[in-house]
Amino acid sequence: MRAIQPIDEQLLVTRLKTGDKDAFARIYEKYHRQLHVIALRYLKDESLAQDIVHEIFIKLWSYRENLKEELSLKAFLSKSVQNLVLNTIRNKKTEILKHLELSHKLDNNHRSDSEEDYVLSEYTRIAEKGIRELSPAKRTIFRMRSYHCLSNQEVALKLGISINTVKFQFSQASKFLRAYLKNKADINGY
């Protein structure tokens, strides 16, 4: 593996926006392991964690032209992983429940759900409980940003509120949920 020379993040973002594949490769080399650790910490599933990280980088490449040059790559990629993990947990909950129901019907004496499925189901349940504890405004903004991947501006337009209100409410909701998950599900923030 070749050594990566230090390079200014804003320059990487500028180069990435123009389609520079070397800049993309440098970003990937710099952040993929860190993002994988974050995803694995929450999902407890190697394959899912790898899928999440690959999807993040596919989206980064696909939407590179829309990136702001002053963007903090570390913060952006970390937040993207968090959002995708939450979406995955939410989506997998239904899949896991269907799987458990089918397993139960096939053989009531032999459960085929794994410890990872159980942990994922519990994390999802706890996360949803935490989301329900948010105020209605924060809950709506959090779900629009995290589940529907809307930007601050899109949320502000849909709700008829200022972008600063969206940013503040989302920040408050995220802080609450991080603390809630750390306390209730033993998920530590980074």
Protein backbone atom coordinates (compact mmCIF):
# COMPACT_ATOMS: atom_id res chain seq x y z
CA MET A 1 0.00 0.00 0.00
CA ARG A 2 1.46 3.32 -1.01
CA ALA A 3 1.97 6.09 1.54
CA ILE A 4 -0.54 8.91 1.35
CA GLN A 5 0.95 12.38 1.25
CA PRO A 6 -0.91 14.88 3.45
CA ILE A 7 -3.19 17.12 1.44
CA ASP A 8 -5.55 19.92 2.33
CA GLU A 9 -9.15 18.68 2.63
CA GLN A 10 -10.58 21.69 0.81
CA LEU A 11 -8.23 20.99 -2.09
CA LEU A 12 -9.38 17.35 -2.10
CA VAL A 13 -13.02 18.46 -2.19
CA THR A 14 -12.28 20.94 -5.00
CA ARG A 15 -10.51 18.25 -7.00
CA LEU A 16 -13.25 15.70 -6.25
CA LYS A 17 -15.91 18.11 -7.55
CA THR A 18 -14.13 18.16 -10.91
CA GLY A 19 -14.14 14.36 -11.12
CA ASP A 20 -10.53 13.80 -10.05
CA LYS A 21 -10.31 10.05 -9.39
CA ASP A 22 -7.00 10.40 -7.54
CA ALA A 23 -8.65 12.80 -5.06
CA PHE A 24 -11.49 10.30 -4.59
CA ALA A 25 -8.97 7.48 -4.01
CA ARG A 26 -7.15 9.60 -1.41
CA ILE A 27 -10.41 10.34 0.39
CA TYR A 28 -11.30 6.65 0.32
CA GLU A 29 -7.90 5.60 1.66
CA LYS A 30 -8.03 8.23 4.39
CA TYR A 31 -11.56 7.55 5.67
CA HIS A 32 -12.84 4.09 4.72
CA ARG A 33 -11.44 2.28 7.79
CA GLN A 34 -12.75 4.89 10.21
CA LEU A 35 -16.22 4.77 8.61
CA HIS A 36 -16.17 0.97 8.69
CA VAL A 37 -15.41 1.01 12.43
CA ILE A 38 -18.34 3.38 13.04
CA ALA A 39 -20.76 1.26 11.00
CA LEU A 40 -19.55 -1.98 12.59
CA ARG A 41 -19.87 -0.51 16.09
CA TYR A 42 -23.58 0.14 15.52
CA LEU A 43 -24.54 -2.76 13.27
CA LYS A 44 -22.34 -5.53 14.68
CA ASP A 45 -22.34 -7.10 11.21
CA GLU A 46 -19.21 -7.09 9.03
CA SER A 47 -21.05 -7.47 5.73
CA LEU A 48 -23.58 -4.73 6.49
CA ALA A 49 -20.81 -2.41 7.67
CA GLN A 50 -18.89 -2.95 4.41
CA ASP A 51 -22.04 -2.34 2.38
CA ILE A 52 -22.70 0.91 4.26
CA VAL A 53 -19.19 2.23 3.64
CA HIS A 54 -19.31 1.32 -0.04
CA GLU A 55 -22.68 3.02 -0.41
CA ILE A 56 -21.34 6.18 1.28
CA PHE A 57 -18.48 6.39 -1.20
CA ILE A 58 -20.73 5.67 -4.17
CA LYS A 59 -22.98 8.54 -3.05
CA LEU A 60 -19.97 10.78 -2.48
CA TRP A 61 -18.82 10.18 -6.06
CA SER A 62 -22.32 10.48 -7.52
CA TYR A 63 -23.07 13.79 -5.78
CA ARG A 64 -19.55 15.22 -5.86
CA GLU A 65 -20.54 18.21 -8.01
CA ASN A 66 -22.97 19.39 -5.32
CA LEU A 67 -20.40 19.40 -2.50
CA LYS A 68 -19.45 22.70 -0.90
CA GLU A 69 -15.73 23.36 -1.06
CA GLU A 70 -15.58 24.39 2.61
CA LEU A 71 -17.06 21.00 3.56
CA SER A 72 -15.43 19.04 6.38
CA LEU A 73 -15.02 15.60 4.81
CA LYS A 74 -14.64 13.87 8.16
CA ALA A 75 -17.84 15.39 9.57
CA PHE A 76 -19.76 14.87 6.32
CA LEU A 77 -18.74 11.23 5.91
CA SER A 78 -19.28 10.43 9.60
CA LYS A 79 -22.77 11.97 9.53
CA SER A 80 -23.52 10.10 6.30
CA VAL A 81 -22.56 6.80 7.94
CA GLN A 82 -24.70 7.61 10.98
CA ASN A 83 -27.72 8.40 8.82
CA LEU A 84 -27.30 5.31 6.66
CA VAL A 85 -26.83 3.11 9.74
CA LEU A 86 -30.07 4.48 11.23
CA ASN A 87 -31.86 3.87 7.95
CA THR A 88 -30.43 0.35 7.77
CA ILE A 89 -31.49 -0.41 11.33
CA ARG A 90 -34.98 0.91 10.61
CA ASN A 91 -35.26 -1.05 7.35
CA LYS A 92 -33.71 -4.22 8.75
CA LYS A 93 -36.16 -4.18 11.65
CA THR A 94 -39.01 -5.13 9.34
CA GLU A 95 -36.87 -7.73 7.58
CA ILE A 96 -35.75 -9.22 10.88
CA LEU A 97 -39.29 -9.35 12.23
CA LYS A 98 -40.49 -11.13 9.07
CA HIS A 99 -37.57 -13.53 9.33
CA LEU A 100 -38.35 -14.26 12.99
CA GLU A 101 -42.03 -14.80 12.22
CA LEU A 102 -41.20 -17.22 9.40
CA SER A 103 -38.66 -19.06 11.56
CA HIS A 104 -41.19 -19.37 14.34
CA LYS A 105 -43.80 -20.78 11.96
CA LEU A 106 -41.38 -23.28 10.40
CA ASP A 107 -40.09 -24.71 13.63
CA ASN A 108 -41.17 -23.44 16.98
CA ASN A 109 -38.44 -25.48 18.71
CA HIS A 110 -35.47 -24.22 16.67
CA ARG A 111 -34.87 -20.51 16.50
CA SER A 112 -32.73 -19.41 13.54
CA ASP A 113 -32.24 -15.80 14.54
CA SER A 114 -28.70 -14.96 15.48
CA GLU A 115 -27.38 -12.87 18.32
CA GLU A 116 -26.61 -10.11 15.80
CA ASP A 117 -30.22 -10.02 14.64
CA TYR A 118 -31.36 -9.74 18.21
CA VAL A 119 -28.89 -6.93 18.95
CA LEU A 120 -29.91 -5.10 15.79
CA SER A 121 -33.56 -5.47 16.70
CA GLU A 122 -32.91 -4.17 20.21
CA TYR A 123 -30.89 -1.19 18.95
CA THR A 124 -33.69 -0.36 16.52
CA ARG A 125 -36.30 -0.57 19.25
CA ILE A 126 -34.24 1.63 21.55
CA ALA A 127 -33.50 4.16 18.79
CA GLU A 128 -37.18 4.39 17.87
CA LYS A 129 -38.10 4.85 21.52
CA GLY A 130 -35.58 7.69 21.74
CA ILE A 131 -36.93 9.30 18.59
CA ARG A 132 -40.44 9.16 20.05
CA GLU A 133 -39.18 11.07 23.10
CA LEU A 134 -38.18 14.03 20.91
CA SER A 135 -40.55 16.96 20.62
CA PRO A 136 -42.83 16.70 17.56
CA ALA A 137 -40.85 19.38 15.70
CA LYS A 138 -37.47 17.77 16.41
CA ARG A 139 -38.85 14.31 15.59
CA THR A 140 -40.20 15.51 12.23
CA ILE A 141 -36.98 17.30 11.30
CA PHE A 142 -34.82 14.37 12.42
CA ARG A 143 -36.82 11.87 10.37
CA MET A 144 -36.87 14.12 7.29
CA ARG A 145 -33.10 14.61 7.47
CA SER A 146 -32.09 11.08 8.54
CA TYR A 147 -34.70 8.79 7.03
CA HIS A 148 -35.57 10.73 3.90
CA CYS A 149 -32.07 12.21 3.37
CA LEU A 150 -33.42 15.71 2.80
CA SER A 151 -31.11 18.70 3.05
CA ASN A 152 -31.60 21.48 5.59
CA GLN A 153 -32.96 23.69 2.83
CA GLU A 154 -35.43 21.04 1.62
CA VAL A 155 -36.71 20.47 5.15
CA ALA A 156 -37.03 24.24 5.72
CA LEU A 157 -39.01 24.65 2.51
CA LYS A 158 -41.32 21.72 3.24
CA LEU A 159 -42.00 22.86 6.80
CA GLY A 160 -42.04 26.60 6.09
CA ILE A 161 -39.33 27.38 8.65
CA SER A 162 -35.83 28.88 8.49
CA ILE A 163 -32.77 26.82 7.63
CA ASN A 164 -31.22 27.88 10.95
CA THR A 165 -34.21 26.44 12.80
CA VAL A 166 -33.78 23.16 10.94
CA LYS A 167 -30.05 23.09 11.71
CA PHE A 168 -30.61 23.86 15.40
CA GLN A 169 -33.47 21.38 15.85
CA PHE A 170 -31.60 18.60 14.00
CA SER A 171 -28.45 19.27 16.03
CA GLN A 172 -30.42 19.12 19.28
CA ALA A 173 -32.21 15.93 18.21
CA SER A 174 -28.92 14.28 17.20
CA LYS A 175 -27.25 15.20 20.50
CA PHE A 176 -30.19 13.85 22.45
CA LEU A 177 -30.24 10.58 20.49
CA ARG A 178 -26.48 10.07 20.83
CA ALA A 179 -26.78 10.49 24.59
CA TYR A 180 -29.92 8.35 24.67
CA LEU A 181 -28.28 5.50 22.73
CA LYS A 182 -25.12 5.74 24.80
CA ASN A 183 -27.17 5.50 27.98
CA LYS A 184 -29.85 2.99 26.94
CA ALA A 185 -28.07 0.82 24.36
CA ASP A 186 -24.43 1.16 25.38
CA ILE A 187 -23.59 2.74 22.01
CA ASN A 188 -20.76 5.20 22.43
CA GLY A 189 -20.45 8.24 20.19
CA TYR A 190 -17.17 9.15 18.54
